[in-house]
PDB file of N, CA and C in Angstrom:
ATOM      1  N   MET A   1     -76.310  77.638 -46.216  1.00  0.00           N
ATOM      2  CA  MET A   1     -75.879  77.904 -44.885  1.00  0.00           C
ATOM      3  C   MET A   1     -74.506  76.710 -45.077  1.00  0.00           C
ATOM      4  N   PRO A   2     -73.105  77.240 -44.678  1.00  0.00           N
ATOM      5  CA  PRO A   2     -71.869  76.772 -44.989  1.00  0.00           C
ATOM      6  C   PRO A   2     -72.078  75.306 -43.872  1.00  0.00           C
ATOM      7  N   VAL A   3     -71.266  74.403 -44.162  1.00  0.00           N
ATOM      8  CA  VAL A   3     -70.988  73.340 -43.064  1.00  0.00           C
ATOM      9  C   VAL A   3     -69.447  73.458 -42.252  1.00  0.00           C
ATOM     10  N   ARG A   4     -70.331  73.138 -41.066  1.00  0.00           N
ATOM     11  CA  ARG A   4     -69.205  73.196 -40.000  1.00  0.00           C
ATOM     12  C   ARG A   4     -68.980  71.865 -39.336  1.00  0.00           C
ATOM     13  N   THR A   5     -67.675  72.011 -38.955  1.00  0.00           N
ATOM     14  CA  THR A   5     -67.366  70.909 -38.495  1.00  0.00           C
ATOM     15  C   THR A   5     -66.385  70.995 -37.109  1.00  0.00           C
ATOM     16  N   GLN A   6     -66.812  70.390 -36.133  1.00  0.00           N
ATOM     17  CA  GLN A   6     -66.891  70.169 -34.775  1.00  0.00           C
ATOM     18  C   GLN A   6     -66.202  68.860 -34.272  1.00  0.00           C
ATOM     19  N   ASN A   7     -65.221  68.647 -33.369  1.00  0.00           N
ATOM     20  CA  ASN A   7     -64.989  67.173 -32.763  1.00  0.00           C
ATOM     21  C   ASN A   7     -65.417  67.619 -31.141  1.00  0.00           C
ATOM     22  N   ILE A   8     -66.479  66.432 -31.463  1.00  0.00           N
ATOM     23  CA  ILE A   8     -67.394  66.452 -30.222  1.00  0.00           C
ATOM     24  C   ILE A   8     -66.461  65.692 -28.654  1.00  0.00           C
ATOM     25  N   PHE A   9     -65.311  64.828 -29.243  1.00  0.00           N
ATOM     26  CA  PHE A   9     -64.717  64.383 -28.172  1.00  0.00           C
ATOM     27  C   PHE A   9     -63.494  65.441 -27.446  1.00  0.00           C
ATOM     28  N   ASP A  10     -62.991  66.339 -28.449  1.00  0.00           N
ATOM     29  CA  ASP A  10     -62.753  67.474 -27.657  1.00  0.00           C
ATOM     30  C   ASP A  10     -63.078  68.590 -27.042  1.00  0.00           C
ATOM     31  N   ARG A  11     -64.485  68.674 -27.438  1.00  0.00           N
ATOM     32  CA  ARG A  11     -65.594  69.774 -26.744  1.00  0.00           C
ATOM     33  C   ARG A  11     -65.704  68.946 -25.529  1.00  0.00           C
ATOM     34  N   ARG A  12     -65.701  67.496 -25.162  1.00  0.00           N
ATOM     35  CA  ARG A  12     -65.915  66.934 -23.841  1.00  0.00           C
ATOM     36  C   ARG A  12     -64.761  66.878 -23.060  1.00  0.00           C
ATOM     37  N   ALA A  13     -63.900  66.627 -23.601  1.00  0.00           N
ATOM     38  CA  ALA A  13     -62.481  66.105 -23.156  1.00  0.00           C
ATOM     39  C   ALA A  13     -62.510  67.051 -21.763  1.00  0.00           C
ATOM     40  N   ASN A  14     -62.658  68.436 -21.658  1.00  0.00           N
ATOM     41  CA  ASN A  14     -62.401  69.350 -20.447  1.00  0.00           C
ATOM     42  C   ASN A  14     -63.758  69.464 -19.753  1.00  0.00           C
ATOM     43  N   ASP A  15     -64.491  68.939 -20.172  1.00  0.00           N
ATOM     44  CA  ASP A  15     -65.871  68.893 -19.215  1.00  0.00           C
ATOM     45  C   ASP A  15     -66.159  68.104 -18.098  1.00  0.00           C
ATOM     46  N   ASP A  16     -65.650  68.336 -16.770  1.00  0.00           N
ATOM     47  CA  ASP A  16     -65.601  67.317 -15.845  1.00  0.00           C
ATOM     48  C   ASP A  16     -66.910  66.264 -15.459  1.00  0.00           C
ATOM     49  N   ARG A  17     -68.063  67.232 -15.524  1.00  0.00           N
ATOM     50  CA  ARG A  17     -69.376  66.761 -15.153  1.00  0.00           C
ATOM     51  C   ARG A  17     -69.657  65.365 -16.164  1.00  0.00           C
ATOM     52  N   TYR A  18     -69.480  65.829 -17.403  1.00  0.00           N
ATOM     53  CA  TYR A  18     -69.355  64.543 -18.476  1.00  0.00           C
ATOM     54  C   TYR A  18     -68.538  63.570 -18.359  1.00  0.00           C
ATOM     55  N   GLN A  19     -67.324  63.868 -18.117  1.00  0.00           N
ATOM     56  CA  GLN A  19     -66.374  62.957 -17.940  1.00  0.00           C
ATOM     57  C   GLN A  19     -66.627  62.172 -16.364  1.00  0.00           C
ATOM     58  N   LYS A  20     -67.200  62.590 -15.504  1.00  0.00           N
ATOM     59  CA  LYS A  20     -67.669  62.011 -14.419  1.00  0.00           C
ATOM     60  C   LYS A  20     -68.844  60.780 -14.586  1.00  0.00           C
ATOM     61  N   LEU A  21     -69.595  61.462 -15.245  1.00  0.00           N
ATOM     62  CA  LEU A  21     -71.056  60.523 -15.753  1.00  0.00           C
ATOM     63  C   LEU A  21     -70.505  59.518 -16.827  1.00  0.00           C
ATOM     64  N   LYS A  22     -69.560  59.585 -17.192  1.00  0.00           N
ATOM     65  CA  LYS A  22     -68.978  58.832 -18.475  1.00  0.00           C
ATOM     66  C   LYS A  22     -68.446  58.067 -17.633  1.00  0.00           C
ATOM     67  N   ALA A  23     -67.259  58.258 -16.726  1.00  0.00           N
ATOM     68  CA  ALA A  23     -66.896  57.214 -15.950  1.00  0.00           C
ATOM     69  C   ALA A  23     -67.894  56.041 -15.507  1.00  0.00           C
ATOM     70  N   ARG A  24     -68.900  56.790 -14.716  1.00  0.00           N
ATOM     71  CA  ARG A  24     -70.358  55.840 -14.033  1.00  0.00           C
ATOM     72  C   ARG A  24     -70.500  54.994 -14.934  1.00  0.00           C
ATOM     73  N   LEU A  25     -71.172  55.371 -16.059  1.00  0.00           N
ATOM     74  CA  LEU A  25     -71.762  54.599 -17.104  1.00  0.00           C
ATOM     75  C   LEU A  25     -70.721  53.342 -17.560  1.00  0.00           C
ATOM     76  N   VAL A  26     -69.818  53.507 -17.801  1.00  0.00           N
ATOM     77  CA  VAL A  26     -68.817  52.662 -18.046  1.00  0.00           C
ATOM     78  C   VAL A  26     -68.653  51.668 -17.266  1.00  0.00           C
ATOM     79  N   ASP A  27     -68.278  52.097 -15.910  1.00  0.00           N
ATOM     80  CA  ASP A  27     -68.231  51.082 -14.619  1.00  0.00           C
ATOM     81  C   ASP A  27     -69.598  50.203 -14.728  1.00  0.00           C
ATOM     82  N   GLU A  28     -70.885  50.639 -14.615  1.00  0.00           N
ATOM     83  CA  GLU A  28     -71.944  50.145 -14.998  1.00  0.00           C
ATOM     84  C   GLU A  28     -72.042  49.072 -16.152  1.00  0.00           C
ATOM     85  N   TRP A  29     -71.712  49.890 -17.395  1.00  0.00           N
ATOM     86  CA  TRP A  29     -71.480  48.640 -18.350  1.00  0.00           C
ATOM     87  C   TRP A  29     -70.708  47.754 -18.262  1.00  0.00           C
ATOM     88  N   ALA A  30     -69.461  47.667 -17.853  1.00  0.00           N
ATOM     89  CA  ALA A  30     -68.303  47.179 -17.931  1.00  0.00           C
ATOM     90  C   ALA A  30     -68.601  46.093 -16.500  1.00  0.00           C
ATOM     91  N   GLY A  31     -69.566  45.940 -15.657  1.00  0.00           N
ATOM     92  CA  GLY A  31     -69.966  44.999 -14.406  1.00  0.00           C
ATOM     93  C   GLY A  31     -69.232  45.700 -13.198  1.00  0.00           C
ATOM     94  N   ARG A  32     -69.062  47.010 -13.215  1.00  0.00           N
ATOM     95  CA  ARG A  32     -68.207  47.330 -11.871  1.00  0.00           C
ATOM     96  C   ARG A  32     -69.026  48.660 -11.112  1.00  0.00           C
ATOM     97  N   PRO A  33     -70.408  48.377 -10.891  1.00  0.00           N
ATOM     98  CA  PRO A  33     -71.254  49.068 -10.403  1.00  0.00           C
ATOM     99  C   PRO A  33     -71.007  49.942  -9.342  1.00  0.00           C
ATOM    100  N   GLY A  34     -71.230  50.986  -9.172  1.00  0.00           N
ATOM    101  CA  GLY A  34     -71.083  52.000  -8.200  1.00  0.00           C
ATOM    102  C   GLY A  34     -72.292  52.409  -7.043  1.00  0.00           C
ATOM    103  N   ALA A  35     -71.862  53.738  -7.350  1.00  0.00           N
ATOM    104  CA  ALA A  35     -72.925  54.222  -5.886  1.00  0.00           C
ATOM    105  C   ALA A  35     -74.436  54.381  -6.694  1.00  0.00           C
ATOM    106  N   PRO A  36     -75.271  54.381  -6.263  1.00  0.00           N
ATOM    107  CA  PRO A  36     -76.750  54.459  -6.634  1.00  0.00           C
ATOM    108  C   PRO A  36     -76.707  55.989  -7.032  1.00  0.00           C
ATOM    109  N   PRO A  37     -77.527  56.540  -7.470  1.00  0.00           N
ATOM    110  CA  PRO A  37     -78.213  55.820  -8.525  1.00  0.00           C
ATOM    111  C   PRO A  37     -77.718  55.601  -9.737  1.00  0.00           C
ATOM    112  N   LEU A  38     -77.916  54.110  -9.860  1.00  0.00           N
ATOM    113  CA  LEU A  38     -77.395  53.421 -11.130  1.00  0.00           C
ATOM    114  C   LEU A  38     -77.694  53.770 -12.203  1.00  0.00           C
ATOM    115  N   PRO A  39     -77.330  53.692 -13.422  1.00  0.00           N
ATOM    116  CA  PRO A  39     -77.898  53.703 -14.756  1.00  0.00           C
ATOM    117  C   PRO A  39     -78.445  52.438 -15.107  1.00  0.00           C
ATOM    118  N   ASP A  40     -79.912  52.609 -15.622  1.00  0.00           N
ATOM    119  CA  ASP A  40     -80.449  50.908 -16.359  1.00  0.00           C
ATOM    120  C   ASP A  40     -80.130  51.154 -17.924  1.00  0.00           C
ATOM    121  N   ILE A  41     -79.262  50.184 -18.230  1.00  0.00           N
ATOM    122  CA  ILE A  41     -78.892  49.979 -19.852  1.00  0.00           C
ATOM    123  C   ILE A  41     -79.632  48.746 -20.286  1.00  0.00           C
ATOM    124  N   LEU A  42     -80.056  49.248 -21.563  1.00  0.00           N
ATOM    125  CA  LEU A  42     -81.003  48.169 -22.304  1.00  0.00           C
ATOM    126  C   LEU A  42     -80.436  48.286 -23.545  1.00  0.00           C
ATOM    127  N   GLU A  43     -79.933  47.116 -23.915  1.00  0.00           N
ATOM    128  CA  GLU A  43     -79.217  46.931 -25.136  1.00  0.00           C
ATOM    129  C   GLU A  43     -79.918  46.346 -25.969  1.00  0.00           C
ATOM    130  N   GLU A  44     -80.439  46.296 -27.093  1.00  0.00           N
ATOM    131  CA  GLU A  44     -81.126  45.791 -28.240  1.00  0.00           C
ATOM    132  C   GLU A  44     -80.521  45.321 -29.368  1.00  0.00           C
ATOM    133  N   LYS A  45     -80.448  43.787 -29.739  1.00  0.00           N
ATOM    134  CA  LYS A  45     -79.383  43.312 -30.586  1.00  0.00           C
ATOM    135  C   LYS A  45     -80.258  42.865 -31.341  1.00  0.00           C
ATOM    136  N   ASP A  46     -79.641  42.603 -33.041  1.00  0.00           N
ATOM    137  CA  ASP A  46     -80.133  42.578 -34.029  1.00  0.00           C
ATOM    138  C   ASP A  46     -80.352  40.695 -34.430  1.00  0.00           C
ATOM    139  N   ALA A  47     -80.615  40.379 -35.376  1.00  0.00           N
ATOM    140  CA  ALA A  47     -80.386  38.517 -35.637  1.00  0.00           C
ATOM    141  C   ALA A  47     -78.617  38.384 -35.713  1.00  0.00           C
ATOM    142  N   ARG A  48     -78.095  39.417 -35.965  1.00  0.00           N
ATOM    143  CA  ARG A  48     -76.741  39.006 -35.850  1.00  0.00           C
ATOM    144  C   ARG A  48     -76.023  39.192 -34.295  1.00  0.00           C
ATOM    145  N   ASP A  49     -76.800  39.353 -33.727  1.00  0.00           N
ATOM    146  CA  ASP A  49     -76.150  39.842 -31.942  1.00  0.00           C
ATOM    147  C   ASP A  49     -75.443  41.120 -32.185  1.00  0.00           C
ATOM    148  N   ARG A  50     -75.812  42.065 -33.102  1.00  0.00           N
ATOM    149  CA  ARG A  50     -75.151  43.179 -32.842  1.00  0.00           C
ATOM    150  C   ARG A  50     -76.044  44.257 -32.109  1.00  0.00           C
ATOM    151  N   ILE A  51     -75.393  44.861 -31.331  1.00  0.00           N
ATOM    152  CA  ILE A  51     -76.344  46.028 -30.632  1.00  0.00           C
ATOM    153  C   ILE A  51     -76.478  46.889 -31.643  1.00  0.00           C
ATOM    154  N   ILE A  52     -77.452  47.255 -31.364  1.00  0.00           N
ATOM    155  CA  ILE A  52     -78.348  48.252 -32.609  1.00  0.00           C
ATOM    156  C   ILE A  52     -78.842  49.511 -32.019  1.00  0.00           C
ATOM    157  N   HIS A  53     -79.374  49.270 -30.616  1.00  0.00           N
ATOM    158  CA  HIS A  53     -80.143  50.198 -29.775  1.00  0.00           C
ATOM    159  C   HIS A  53     -79.704  50.156 -28.413  1.00  0.00           C
ATOM    160  N   VAL A  54     -79.677  51.168 -28.055  1.00  0.00           N
ATOM    161  CA  VAL A  54     -79.154  51.637 -26.458  1.00  0.00           C
ATOM    162  C   VAL A  54     -80.224  52.424 -26.090  1.00  0.00           C
ATOM    163  N   THR A  55     -80.856  52.153 -24.833  1.00  0.00           N
ATOM    164  CA  THR A  55     -81.782  53.072 -24.092  1.00  0.00           C
ATOM    165  C   THR A  55     -81.099  53.049 -22.818  1.00  0.00           C
ATOM    166  N   VAL A  56     -80.462  54.201 -22.067  1.00  0.00           N
ATOM    167  CA  VAL A  56     -80.386  54.203 -20.632  1.00  0.00           C
ATOM    168  C   VAL A  56     -81.225  54.972 -20.153  1.00  0.00           C
ATOM    169  N   THR A  57     -81.397  54.532 -19.048  1.00  0.00           N
ATOM    170  CA  THR A  57     -82.670  55.342 -18.258  1.00  0.00           C
ATOM    171  C   THR A  57     -81.706  56.146 -16.989  1.00  0.00           C
ATOM    172  N   TRP A  58     -81.286  57.208 -16.140  1.00  0.00           N
ATOM    173  CA  TRP A  58     -80.760  57.364 -15.168  1.00  0.00           C
ATOM    174  C   TRP A  58     -81.079  58.910 -14.936  1.00  0.00           C
ATOM    175  N   ASP A  59     -81.615  59.082 -13.559  1.00  0.00           N
ATOM    176  CA  ASP A  59     -82.113  60.412 -13.122  1.00  0.00           C
ATOM    177  C   ASP A  59     -80.735  61.276 -13.334  1.00  0.00           C
ATOM    178  N   GLU A  60     -79.416  60.877 -13.106  1.00  0.00           N
ATOM    179  CA  GLU A  60     -78.229  61.649 -12.668  1.00  0.00           C
ATOM    180  C   GLU A  60     -77.808  62.531 -14.077  1.00  0.00           C
ATOM    181  N   TRP A  61     -78.574  62.227 -15.138  1.00  0.00           N
ATOM    182  CA  TRP A  61     -78.334  63.176 -15.843  1.00  0.00           C
ATOM    183  C   TRP A  61     -79.470  64.001 -16.611  1.00  0.00           C
ATOM    184  N   SER A  62     -80.669  64.279 -15.658  1.00  0.00           N
ATOM    185  CA  SER A  62     -81.762  65.226 -15.926  1.00  0.00           C
ATOM    186  C   SER A  62     -80.998  66.821 -16.710  1.00  0.00           C
ATOM    187  N   ASP A  63     -80.291  66.849 -15.946  1.00  0.00           N
ATOM    188  CA  ASP A  63     -79.929  68.262 -16.567  1.00  0.00           C
ATOM    189  C   ASP A  63     -79.217  68.384 -17.840  1.00  0.00           C
ATOM    190  N   LEU A  64     -78.901  67.368 -18.588  1.00  0.00           N
ATOM    191  CA  LEU A  64     -78.322  67.295 -19.981  1.00  0.00           C
ATOM    192  C   LEU A  64     -79.348  67.603 -20.992  1.00  0.00           C
ATOM    193  N   ASP A  65     -79.025  67.998 -22.166  1.00  0.00           N
ATOM    194  CA  ASP A  65     -80.208  67.583 -23.097  1.00  0.00           C
ATOM    195  C   ASP A  65     -80.052  66.348 -23.893  1.00  0.00           C
ATOM    196  N   ALA A  66     -81.179  66.125 -24.506  1.00  0.00           N
ATOM    197  CA  ALA A  66     -81.208  64.872 -25.268  1.00  0.00           C
ATOM    198  C   ALA A  66     -79.641  64.452 -26.305  1.00  0.00           C
ATOM    199  N   GLN A  67     -79.294  65.020 -27.065  1.00  0.00           N
ATOM    200  CA  GLN A  67     -78.011  65.211 -27.396  1.00  0.00           C
ATOM    201  C   GLN A  67     -76.864  64.845 -26.898  1.00  0.00           C
ATOM    202  N   THR A  68     -76.506  65.383 -25.599  1.00  0.00           N
ATOM    203  CA  THR A  68     -75.645  65.251 -24.600  1.00  0.00           C
ATOM    204  C   THR A  68     -75.703  63.855 -24.516  1.00  0.00           C
ATOM    205  N   ARG A  69     -76.723  63.509 -23.796  1.00  0.00           N
ATOM    206  CA  ARG A  69     -76.899  62.315 -23.328  1.00  0.00           C
ATOM    207  C   ARG A  69     -76.522  61.253 -24.462  1.00  0.00           C
ATOM    208  N   SER A  70     -77.063  61.274 -25.310  1.00  0.00           N
ATOM    209  CA  SER A  70     -76.602  60.627 -26.871  1.00  0.00           C
ATOM    210  C   SER A  70     -75.531  60.608 -27.012  1.00  0.00           C
ATOM    211  N   GLU A  71     -74.721  61.427 -26.938  1.00  0.00           N
ATOM    212  CA  GLU A  71     -73.032  61.284 -27.120  1.00  0.00           C
ATOM    213  C   GLU A  71     -72.517  60.642 -26.089  1.00  0.00           C
ATOM    214  N   LEU A  72     -72.724  60.880 -24.683  1.00  0.00           N
ATOM    215  CA  LEU A  72     -72.147  60.032 -23.480  1.00  0.00           C
ATOM    216  C   LEU A  72     -72.335  58.953 -24.295  1.00  0.00           C
ATOM    217  N   ILE A  73     -73.514  58.246 -24.142  1.00  0.00           N
ATOM    218  CA  ILE A  73     -74.110  57.053 -24.460  1.00  0.00           C
ATOM    219  C   ILE A  73     -72.652  56.271 -25.483  1.00  0.00           C
ATOM    220  N   VAL A  74     -73.019  56.848 -26.694  1.00  0.00           N
ATOM    221  CA  VAL A  74     -71.974  56.442 -27.411  1.00  0.00           C
ATOM    222  C   VAL A  74     -70.399  56.615 -27.172  1.00  0.00           C
ATOM    223  N   ASP A  75     -70.142  57.539 -26.396  1.00  0.00           N
ATOM    224  CA  ASP A  75     -68.942  57.628 -25.918  1.00  0.00           C
ATOM    225  C   ASP A  75     -68.307  56.299 -25.079  1.00  0.00           C
ATOM    226  N   ALA A  76     -69.379  55.683 -23.975  1.00  0.00           N
ATOM    227  CA  ALA A  76     -69.169  54.781 -23.087  1.00  0.00           C
ATOM    228  C   ALA A  76     -68.986  53.400 -23.681  1.00  0.00           C
ATOM    229  N   LEU A  77     -70.137  53.822 -24.911  1.00  0.00           N
ATOM    230  CA  LEU A  77     -70.180  52.389 -25.724  1.00  0.00           C
ATOM    231  C   LEU A  77     -68.731  52.107 -26.056  1.00  0.00           C
ATOM    232  N   GLN A  78     -68.315  53.264 -26.471  1.00  0.00           N
ATOM    233  CA  GLN A  78     -66.962  52.588 -27.291  1.00  0.00           C
ATOM    234  C   GLN A  78     -66.008  52.397 -26.357  1.00  0.00           C
ATOM    235  N   SER A  79     -65.958  53.064 -25.061  1.00  0.00           N
ATOM    236  CA  SER A  79     -64.961  52.552 -24.129  1.00  0.00           C
ATOM    237  C   SER A  79     -65.134  51.331 -23.521  1.00  0.00           C
ATOM    238  N   VAL A  80     -66.435  50.440 -23.816  1.00  0.00           N
ATOM    239  CA  VAL A  80     -66.598  49.413 -23.132  1.00  0.00           C
ATOM    240  C   VAL A  80     -66.745  47.920 -24.335  1.00  0.00           C
ATOM    241  N   LYS A  81     -67.377  48.524 -25.383  1.00  0.00           N
ATOM    242  CA  LYS A  81     -67.171  47.338 -26.410  1.00  0.00           C
ATOM    243  C   LYS A  81     -66.401  47.726 -27.597  1.00  0.00           C
ATOM    244  N   GLY A  82     -65.591  48.862 -27.738  1.00  0.00           N
ATOM    245  CA  GLY A  82     -65.059  49.386 -29.215  1.00  0.00           C
ATOM    246  C   GLY A  82     -65.606  49.718 -29.916  1.00  0.00           C
ATOM    247  N   GLU A  83     -64.599  50.252 -31.170  1.00  0.00           N
ATOM    248  CA  GLU A  83     -65.214  50.967 -32.157  1.00  0.00           C
ATOM    249  C   GLU A  83     -66.299  50.194 -33.041  1.00  0.00           C
ATOM    250  N   ALA A  84     -66.147  49.121 -33.335  1.00  0.00           N
ATOM    251  CA  ALA A  84     -67.124  48.278 -33.980  1.00  0.00           C
ATOM    252  C   ALA A  84     -68.622  48.362 -33.583  1.00  0.00           C
ATOM    253  N   ALA A  85     -68.530  48.333 -32.335  1.00  0.00           N
ATOM    254  CA  ALA A  85     -69.754  48.493 -31.998  1.00  0.00           C
ATOM    255  C   ALA A  85     -70.715  49.587 -32.147  1.00  0.00           C
ATOM    256  N   VAL A  86     -69.906  50.636 -32.132  1.00  0.00           N
ATOM    257  CA  VAL A  86     -70.469  51.997 -32.202  1.00  0.00           C
ATOM    258  C   VAL A  86     -70.802  51.942 -33.413  1.00  0.00           C
ATOM    259  N   VAL A  87     -70.276  51.366 -34.941  1.00  0.00           N
ATOM    260  CA  VAL A  87     -70.496  51.625 -36.191  1.00  0.00           C
ATOM    261  C   VAL A  87     -71.775  50.939 -36.421  1.00  0.00           C
ATOM    262  N   GLU A  88     -72.173  49.737 -35.634  1.00  0.00           N
ATOM    263  CA  GLU A  88     -73.120  49.126 -35.822  1.00  0.00           C
ATOM    264  C   GLU A  88     -74.518  49.901 -35.019  1.00  0.00           C
ATOM    265  N   LEU A  89     -74.257  50.814 -34.231  1.00  0.00           N
ATOM    266  CA  LEU A  89     -75.444  51.259 -33.729  1.00  0.00           C
ATOM    267  C   LEU A  89     -76.187  52.088 -34.048  1.00  0.00           C
ATOM    268  N   THR A  90     -77.761  52.390 -34.139  1.00  0.00           N
ATOM    269  CA  THR A  90     -78.580  53.144 -34.809  1.00  0.00           C
ATOM    270  C   THR A  90     -79.204  54.256 -34.025  1.00  0.00           C
ATOM    271  N   LEU A  91     -79.444  53.478 -32.592  1.00  0.00           N
ATOM    272  CA  LEU A  91     -80.133  54.724 -31.553  1.00  0.00           C
ATOM    273  C   LEU A  91     -79.373  54.503 -30.216  1.00  0.00           C
ATOM    274  N   ALA A  92     -79.039  55.511 -30.002  1.00  0.00           N
ATOM    275  CA  ALA A  92     -78.712  55.656 -28.569  1.00  0.00           C
ATOM    276  C   ALA A  92     -79.552  56.698 -28.042  1.00  0.00           C
ATOM    277  N   MET A  93     -80.289  56.433 -26.968  1.00  0.00           N
ATOM    278  CA  MET A  93     -81.463  57.258 -26.255  1.00  0.00           C
ATOM    279  C   MET A  93     -81.309  57.190 -24.346  1.00  0.00           C
ATOM    280  N   GLY A  94     -80.910  58.555 -24.442  1.00  0.00           N
ATOM    281  CA  GLY A  94     -81.130  58.719 -22.909  1.00  0.00           C
ATOM    282  C   GLY A  94     -82.155  59.180 -21.937  1.00  0.00           C
ATOM    283  N   LEU A  95     -82.802  58.530 -21.236  1.00  0.00           N
ATOM    284  CA  LEU A  95     -83.857  59.143 -20.523  1.00  0.00           C
ATOM    285  C   LEU A  95     -83.851  59.257 -19.181  1.00  0.00           C
ATOM    286  N   THR A  96     -84.593  59.755 -18.368  1.00  0.00           N
ATOM    287  CA  THR A  96     -84.958  59.680 -16.905  1.00  0.00           C
ATOM    288  C   THR A  96     -85.860  58.975 -16.594  1.00  0.00           C
ATOM    289  N   ARG A  97     -86.103  58.788 -15.461  1.00  0.00           N
ATOM    290  CA  ARG A  97     -87.207  57.441 -15.069  1.00  0.00           C
ATOM    291  C   ARG A  97     -88.607  58.225 -15.395  1.00  0.00           C
ATOM    292  N   ALA A  98     -88.564  59.636 -15.069  1.00  0.00           N
ATOM    293  CA  ALA A  98     -90.035  60.085 -15.588  1.00  0.00           C
ATOM    294  C   ALA A  98     -90.424  60.344 -17.007  1.00  0.00           C
ATOM    295  N   GLU A  99     -89.013  60.468 -18.073  1.00  0.00           N
ATOM    296  CA  GLU A  99     -89.228  60.308 -19.269  1.00  0.00           C
ATOM    297  C   GLU A  99     -89.663  58.940 -19.707  1.00  0.00           C
ATOM    298  N   ALA A 100     -88.995  58.353 -19.398  1.00  0.00           N
ATOM    299  CA  ALA A 100     -89.282  56.411 -19.528  1.00  0.00           C
ATOM    300  C   ALA A 100     -90.489  56.013 -19.192  1.00  0.00           C
ATOM    301  N   ALA A 101     -91.240  56.505 -18.177  1.00  0.00           N
ATOM    302  CA  ALA A 101     -92.624  56.355 -17.604  1.00  0.00           C
ATOM    303  C   ALA A 101     -93.255  57.001 -18.860  1.00  0.00           C
ATOM    304  N   ARG A 102     -93.262  58.446 -19.158  1.00  0.00           N
ATOM    305  CA  ARG A 102     -94.106  59.550 -20.083  1.00  0.00           C
ATOM    306  C   ARG A 102     -93.994  58.461 -21.281  1.00  0.00           C
ATOM    307  N   LEU A 103     -92.897  57.996 -21.784  1.00  0.00           N
ATOM    308  CA  LEU A 103     -92.676  57.483 -22.982  1.00  0.00           C
ATOM    309  C   LEU A 103     -93.554  55.884 -23.237  1.00  0.00           C
ATOM    310  N   ALA A 104     -93.347  55.117 -22.058  1.00  0.00           N
ATOM    311  CA  ALA A 104     -93.975  53.700 -22.085  1.00  0.00           C
ATOM    312  C   ALA A 104     -95.550  54.193 -22.060  1.00  0.00           C
ATOM    313  N   ARG A 105     -96.037  55.090 -21.386  1.00  0.00           N
ATOM    314  CA  ARG A 105     -97.566  55.261 -21.351  1.00  0.00           C
ATOM    315  C   ARG A 105     -98.169  55.574 -22.630  1.00  0.00           C
ATOM    316  N   ALA A 106     -97.257  56.546 -23.397  1.00  0.00           N
ATOM    317  CA  ALA A 106     -97.549  57.175 -24.838  1.00  0.00           C
ATOM    318  C   ALA A 106     -97.550  55.955 -25.551  1.00  0.00           C
ATOM    319  N   GLY A 107     -96.608  54.963 -25.619  1.00  0.00           N
ATOM    320  CA  GLY A 107     -96.566  53.468 -26.078  1.00  0.00           C
ATOM    321  C   GLY A 107     -97.678  52.669 -25.780  1.00  0.00           C
ATOM    322  N   ASN A 108     -98.262  52.651 -24.937  1.00  0.00           N
ATOM    323  CA  ASN A 108     -99.737  52.058 -24.538  1.00  0.00           C
ATOM    324  C   ASN A 108    -100.946  52.539 -24.745  1.00  0.00           C
ATOM    325  N   GLY A 109    -100.995  53.913 -25.135  1.00  0.00           N
ATOM    326  CA  GLY A 109    -102.098  54.336 -25.174  1.00  0.00           C
ATOM    327  C   GLY A 109    -102.783  54.344 -26.384  1.00  0.00           C
TER     328      GLY A 109
END
């Protein structure tokens, strides 16, 4: 199968819903919370204090697939923390509250 290349930033540039969710996530991450429901952002750092995992729990994106949620998190992280933070990131996971609860139950079982 041939290799295909696609620029996700170009693809998302004209997506109003994506851009609105990104703006809300950036505001929360930058300490400028908006109207509820607010995203719950968990940054996990390594021994060098670099953010390596980000999990965002937020019901506002329940209609988005996992890949789009991850792209949104990476895009917002870059806006708030810069390109260097994105380079260190190994996991960007976006969940709804129900998905996070199921994951927590599965981890305790």
